C-alpha atoms as a PDB file:
ATOM      1  CA  MET A   1      41.199 160.368  79.079  1.00  0.00           C
ATOM      2  CA  SER A   2      41.455 163.697  80.608  1.00  0.00           C
ATOM      3  CA  GLU A   3      39.389 164.628  83.629  1.00  0.00           C
ATOM      4  CA  ILE A   4      37.291 167.280  81.655  1.00  0.00           C
ATOM      5  CA  LYS A   5      36.403 164.840  78.813  1.00  0.00           C
ATOM      6  CA  VAL A   6      35.158 162.229  81.370  1.00  0.00           C
ATOM      7  CA  ALA A   7      33.423 164.793  83.532  1.00  0.00           C
ATOM      8  CA  SER A   8      31.797 166.156  80.302  1.00  0.00           C
ATOM      9  CA  ARG A   9      30.483 162.678  79.332  1.00  0.00           C
ATOM     10  CA  TYR A  10      29.066 162.138  82.815  1.00  0.00           C
ATOM     11  CA  ALA A  11      27.518 165.519  82.780  1.00  0.00           C
ATOM     12  CA  LYS A  12      25.795 164.683  79.468  1.00  0.00           C
ATOM     13  CA  SER A  13      24.489 161.364  80.716  1.00  0.00           C
ATOM     14  CA  LEU A  14      22.951 163.227  83.775  1.00  0.00           C
ATOM     15  CA  ILE A  15      21.462 165.840  81.356  1.00  0.00           C
ATOM     16  CA  ASP A  16      19.972 163.117  79.114  1.00  0.00           C
ATOM     17  CA  LEU A  17      18.687 161.187  82.134  1.00  0.00           C
ATOM     18  CA  ALA A  18      17.101 164.500  83.748  1.00  0.00           C
ATOM     19  CA  VAL A  19      15.579 165.422  80.393  1.00  0.00           C
ATOM     20  CA  GLU A  20      14.002 161.847  80.256  1.00  0.00           C
ATOM     21  CA  ASN A  21      12.670 162.220  83.859  1.00  0.00           C
ATOM     22  CA  ASN A  22      11.456 165.902  83.340  1.00  0.00           C
ATOM     23  CA  GLY A  23      13.851 167.256  85.951  1.00  0.00           C
ATOM     24  CA  LEU A  24      16.448 169.116  84.029  1.00  0.00           C
ATOM     25  CA  ALA A  25      15.741 172.418  85.938  1.00  0.00           C
ATOM     26  CA  GLU A  26      15.851 170.442  89.292  1.00  0.00           C
ATOM     27  CA  SER A  27      19.165 168.747  88.412  1.00  0.00           C
ATOM     28  CA  TYR A  28      20.676 172.147  87.326  1.00  0.00           C
ATOM     29  CA  ASN A  29      19.856 173.598  90.710  1.00  0.00           C
ATOM     30  CA  ASP A  30      21.204 170.682  92.431  1.00  0.00           C
ATOM     31  CA  MET A  31      24.629 170.963  90.528  1.00  0.00           C
ATOM     32  CA  VAL A  32      24.714 174.635  91.150  1.00  0.00           C
ATOM     33  CA  LEU A  33      24.373 173.858  94.927  1.00  0.00           C
ATOM     34  CA  PHE A  34      26.846 171.151  94.812  1.00  0.00           C
ATOM     35  CA  GLU A  35      29.350 173.497  92.895  1.00  0.00           C
ATOM     36  CA  LYS A  36      28.844 176.178  95.674  1.00  0.00           C
ATOM     37  CA  VAL A  37      29.197 173.779  98.618  1.00  0.00           C
ATOM     38  CA  VAL A  38      32.399 172.330  97.219  1.00  0.00           C
ATOM     39  CA  ASP A  39      33.702 175.872  96.435  1.00  0.00           C
ATOM     40  CA  GLU A  40      33.020 176.783 100.011  1.00  0.00           C
ATOM     41  CA  THR A  41      34.323 173.616 101.434  1.00  0.00           C
ATOM     42  CA  PRO A  42      37.622 172.491  99.772  1.00  0.00           C
ATOM     43  CA  GLU A  43      37.869 169.719 102.307  1.00  0.00           C
ATOM     44  CA  LEU A  44      34.797 168.070 100.594  1.00  0.00           C
ATOM     45  CA  GLU A  45      36.584 168.007  97.329  1.00  0.00           C
ATOM     46  CA  ALA A  46      39.740 166.886  99.014  1.00  0.00           C
ATOM     47  CA  ILE A  47      37.839 163.894 100.520  1.00  0.00           C
ATOM     48  CA  LEU A  48      36.241 162.938  97.070  1.00  0.00           C
ATOM     49  CA  LYS A  49      39.640 163.126  95.344  1.00  0.00           C
ATOM     50  CA  ASN A  50      41.380 160.971  98.109  1.00  0.00           C
ATOM     51  CA  PRO A  51      41.759 157.460  97.035  1.00  0.00           C
ATOM     52  CA  ILE A  52      42.243 156.235 100.679  1.00  0.00           C
ATOM     53  CA  VAL A  53      38.871 157.289 101.857  1.00  0.00           C
ATOM     54  CA  PRO A  54      36.473 154.218 101.258  1.00  0.00           C
ATOM     55  CA  LEU A  55      33.718 154.664  98.762  1.00  0.00           C
ATOM     56  CA  ASP A  56      30.978 153.839 101.383  1.00  0.00           C
ATOM     57  CA  LYS A  57      32.386 156.689 103.481  1.00  0.00           C
ATOM     58  CA  LYS A  58      32.284 159.109 100.605  1.00  0.00           C
ATOM     59  CA  ILE A  59      28.737 158.069  99.860  1.00  0.00           C
ATOM     60  CA  GLY A  60      27.723 158.654 103.506  1.00  0.00           C
ATOM     61  CA  ILE A  61      29.367 162.189 103.536  1.00  0.00           C
ATOM     62  CA  LEU A  62      27.442 163.133 100.367  1.00  0.00           C
ATOM     63  CA  ASN A  63      24.304 161.705 101.650  1.00  0.00           C
ATOM     64  CA  ASP A  64      24.703 163.472 105.013  1.00  0.00           C
ATOM     65  CA  ILE A  65      25.270 166.928 103.178  1.00  0.00           C
ATOM     66  CA  PHE A  66      22.872 166.631 100.293  1.00  0.00           C
ATOM     67  CA  ALA A  67      20.152 164.036 101.118  1.00  0.00           C
ATOM     68  CA  ASP A  68      17.546 166.731 101.942  1.00  0.00           C
ATOM     69  CA  LYS A  69      18.917 169.485  99.609  1.00  0.00           C
ATOM     70  CA  VAL A  70      18.859 167.728  96.234  1.00  0.00           C
ATOM     71  CA  GLY A  71      16.739 165.564  94.206  1.00  0.00           C
ATOM     72  CA  LYS A  72      16.580 161.818  94.269  1.00  0.00           C
ATOM     73  CA  LEU A  73      18.024 161.542  90.668  1.00  0.00           C
ATOM     74  CA  THR A  74      21.010 163.769  91.669  1.00  0.00           C
ATOM     75  CA  LEU A  75      21.679 161.766  94.811  1.00  0.00           C
ATOM     76  CA  THR A  76      21.514 158.462  92.835  1.00  0.00           C
ATOM     77  CA  PHE A  77      23.908 160.044  90.237  1.00  0.00           C
ATOM     78  CA  PHE A  78      26.356 160.869  93.026  1.00  0.00           C
ATOM     79  CA  LYS A  79      26.226 157.360  94.436  1.00  0.00           C
ATOM     80  CA  THR A  80      26.614 155.822  91.115  1.00  0.00           C
ATOM     81  CA  VAL A  81      29.617 157.925  90.285  1.00  0.00           C
ATOM     82  CA  VAL A  82      31.287 157.245  93.566  1.00  0.00           C
ATOM     83  CA  ASN A  83      30.609 153.544  93.335  1.00  0.00           C
ATOM     84  CA  LYS A  84      32.403 153.479  89.861  1.00  0.00           C
ATOM     85  CA  GLY A  85      35.421 155.069  91.534  1.00  0.00           C
ATOM     86  CA  ARG A  86      35.079 158.297  89.996  1.00  0.00           C
ATOM     87  CA  SER A  87      34.315 160.426  92.965  1.00  0.00           C
ATOM     88  CA  ALA A  88      37.333 162.703  92.071  1.00  0.00           C
ATOM     89  CA  ILE A  89      35.572 164.146  88.962  1.00  0.00           C
ATOM     90  CA  LEU A  90      32.205 164.947  90.636  1.00  0.00           C
ATOM     91  CA  PHE A  91      33.091 168.562  91.037  1.00  0.00           C
ATOM     92  CA  ALA A  92      34.370 168.854  87.386  1.00  0.00           C
ATOM     93  CA  THR A  93      31.110 167.092  86.431  1.00  0.00           C
ATOM     94  CA  ALA A  94      29.073 169.690  88.090  1.00  0.00           C
ATOM     95  CA  LYS A  95      30.766 172.404  86.284  1.00  0.00           C
ATOM     96  CA  GLN A  96      30.546 170.590  82.986  1.00  0.00           C
ATOM     97  CA  PHE A  97      26.700 170.109  83.724  1.00  0.00           C
ATOM     98  CA  VAL A  98      26.161 173.768  84.374  1.00  0.00           C
ATOM     99  CA  GLN A  99      28.128 174.713  81.308  1.00  0.00           C
ATOM    100  CA  GLN A 100      26.191 172.267  78.939  1.00  0.00           C
ATOM    101  CA  TYR A 101      22.793 173.263  80.609  1.00  0.00           C
ATOM    102  CA  ASN A 102      23.685 176.941  79.683  1.00  0.00           C
ATOM    103  CA  GLU A 103      24.376 175.986  76.067  1.00  0.00           C
ATOM    104  CA  ILE A 104      21.121 174.042  75.796  1.00  0.00           C
ATOM    105  CA  LYS A 105      19.211 177.110  77.280  1.00  0.00           C
ATOM    106  CA  GLY A 106      21.186 179.843  75.350  1.00  0.00           C
ATOM    107  CA  ILE A 107      22.508 181.291  78.605  1.00  0.00           C
ATOM    108  CA  ILE A 108      25.860 183.143  78.154  1.00  0.00           C
ATOM    109  CA  THR A 109      28.053 184.279  80.955  1.00  0.00           C
ATOM    110  CA  ALA A 110      29.666 187.696  80.465  1.00  0.00           C
ATOM    111  CA  ASP A 111      32.586 188.698  82.717  1.00  0.00           C
ATOM    112  CA  VAL A 112      32.903 192.579  83.082  1.00  0.00           C
ATOM    113  CA  THR A 113      35.683 194.143  84.874  1.00  0.00           C
ATOM    114  CA  THR A 114      35.486 197.746  85.617  1.00  0.00           C
ATOM    115  CA  ALA A 115      37.143 200.455  87.828  1.00  0.00           C
ATOM    116  CA  THR A 116      33.872 200.962  89.771  1.00  0.00           C
ATOM    117  CA  ALA A 117      30.619 199.240  90.026  1.00  0.00           C
ATOM    118  CA  LEU A 118      28.450 199.185  87.074  1.00  0.00           C
ATOM    119  CA  THR A 119      25.124 201.217  87.045  1.00  0.00           C
ATOM    120  CA  ALA A 120      21.954 199.400  86.275  1.00  0.00           C
ATOM    121  CA  ALA A 121      21.772 201.223  82.951  1.00  0.00           C
ATOM    122  CA  ALA A 122      25.359 200.166  81.983  1.00  0.00           C
ATOM    123  CA  LYS A 123      24.621 196.527  82.978  1.00  0.00           C
ATOM    124  CA  GLU A 124      21.366 196.584  81.006  1.00  0.00           C
ATOM    125  CA  GLU A 125      23.177 197.904  77.919  1.00  0.00           C
ATOM    126  CA  ILE A 126      25.890 195.301  78.241  1.00  0.00           C
ATOM    127  CA  VAL A 127      23.249 192.579  78.357  1.00  0.00           C
ATOM    128  CA  ALA A 128      21.423 194.004  75.313  1.00  0.00           C
ATOM    129  CA  ILE A 129      24.605 194.099  73.344  1.00  0.00           C
ATOM    130  CA  VAL A 130      25.734 190.592  74.151  1.00  0.00           C
ATOM    131  CA  LYS A 131      22.236 189.267  73.644  1.00  0.00           C
ATOM    132  CA  ARG A 132      22.103 191.069  70.126  1.00  0.00           C
ATOM    133  CA  GLU A 133      25.611 190.100  68.977  1.00  0.00           C
ATOM    134  CA  LEU A 134      25.649 186.493  70.181  1.00  0.00           C
ATOM    135  CA  GLY A 135      21.918 185.579  69.978  1.00  0.00           C
ATOM    136  CA  ALA A 136      21.754 184.668  73.664  1.00  0.00           C
ATOM    137  CA  ASN A 137      18.562 184.085  75.453  1.00  0.00           C
ATOM    138  CA  GLU A 138      19.687 185.292  78.620  1.00  0.00           C
ATOM    139  CA  VAL A 139      23.070 186.781  79.817  1.00  0.00           C
ATOM    140  CA  ILE A 140      24.547 186.347  83.179  1.00  0.00           C
ATOM    141  CA  VAL A 141      26.843 189.397  84.110  1.00  0.00           C
ATOM    142  CA  ASN A 142      29.777 188.685  86.504  1.00  0.00           C
ATOM    143  CA  GLU A 143      30.974 191.969  87.804  1.00  0.00           C
ATOM    144  CA  LYS A 144      34.708 192.395  88.911  1.00  0.00           C
ATOM    145  CA  ILE A 145      36.198 195.733  90.099  1.00  0.00           C
ATOM    146  CA  ASN A 146      39.774 196.339  89.353  1.00  0.00           C
ATOM    147  CA  GLU A 147      40.780 199.891  90.356  1.00  0.00           C
ATOM    148  CA  LYS A 148      43.907 199.707  88.130  1.00  0.00           C
ATOM    149  CA  LEU A 149      41.849 199.978  85.049  1.00  0.00           C
ATOM    150  CA  ILE A 150      41.319 203.681  85.807  1.00  0.00           C
ATOM    151  CA  GLY A 151      38.110 203.737  83.647  1.00  0.00           C
ATOM    152  CA  GLY A 152      36.205 202.052  81.000  1.00  0.00           C
ATOM    153  CA  PHE A 153      35.879 198.170  81.065  1.00  0.00           C
ATOM    154  CA  ILE A 154      36.984 194.921  79.946  1.00  0.00           C
ATOM    155  CA  LEU A 155      34.172 192.553  78.518  1.00  0.00           C
ATOM    156  CA  LYS A 156      34.909 188.752  78.297  1.00  0.00           C
ATOM    157  CA  VAL A 157      32.542 186.315  76.964  1.00  0.00           C
ATOM    158  CA  GLY A 158      33.787 182.716  76.384  1.00  0.00           C
ATOM    159  CA  ASP A 159      37.316 183.079  74.799  1.00  0.00           C
ATOM    160  CA  LYS A 160      36.547 186.683  73.317  1.00  0.00           C
ATOM    161  CA  GLN A 161      37.662 189.713  75.042  1.00  0.00           C
ATOM    162  CA  PHE A 162      36.961 193.325  74.427  1.00  0.00           C
ATOM    163  CA  ASP A 163      39.207 195.788  76.313  1.00  0.00           C
ATOM    164  CA  ALA A 164      37.907 199.249  76.380  1.00  0.00           C
ATOM    165  CA  SER A 165      39.713 200.323  79.599  1.00  0.00           C
ATOM    166  CA  ILE A 166      41.624 203.470  80.012  1.00  0.00           C
ATOM    167  CA  ALA A 167      44.709 201.682  81.323  1.00  0.00           C
ATOM    168  CA  ASN A 168      44.876 199.494  78.176  1.00  0.00           C
ATOM    169  CA  GLY A 169      44.601 202.628  76.090  1.00  0.00           C
ATOM    170  CA  LEU A 170      47.562 204.376  77.995  1.00  0.00           C
ATOM    171  CA  SER A 171      49.532 201.124  77.576  1.00  0.00           C
ATOM    172  CA  LYS A 172      48.955 201.177  73.745  1.00  0.00           C
ATOM    173  CA  LEU A 173      49.825 204.759  73.770  1.00  0.00           C
ATOM    174  CA  LYS A 174      53.001 204.268  75.671  1.00  0.00           C
ATOM    175  CA  LYS A 175      54.051 201.478  73.240  1.00  0.00           C
ATOM    176  CA  GLU A 176      53.456 203.619  70.215  1.00  0.00           C
ATOM    177  CA  PHE A 177      55.755 206.329  71.864  1.00  0.00           C
ATOM    178  CA  ALA A 178      58.393 203.910  72.560  1.00  0.00           C
ATOM    179  CA  GLN A 179      58.500 202.934  68.966  1.00  0.00           C
END
């Protein structure tokens, strides 16, 4: 079974457990923190994925890092996953948890690439359009700046992309002239 599929199942189990214990928001914050820490410390992911590192050592490391930062449910979940020999999928599980939580809450992430930073008004307009078109409760805008776009923007939501960049327009024009 693929890592994503297994991670998705573990994430679903944690969501169900968190809902049962009225701690979904807390578990979400814990998983976001875990994701951030692993992103900033690739050594932690390497340790968790290394089959040579003993399980009790992995649990000790997770305990040292997260004991006072995450809830009891999350810490117990970490220990359970590690004890089952699945520590290699903890990072993927955290990502899947965040994704599933966002689906439950109607939160959509929109990646916007522009040549310059978005103004507050432009950002609000993008949020309003995405909410209206996709029926989202909340939109998280991830801004990226790519000066090669010259102007305009590229909006990506899930697997859909809308390219309104000048660079794309010029590229299309160039192809038309070539034909």
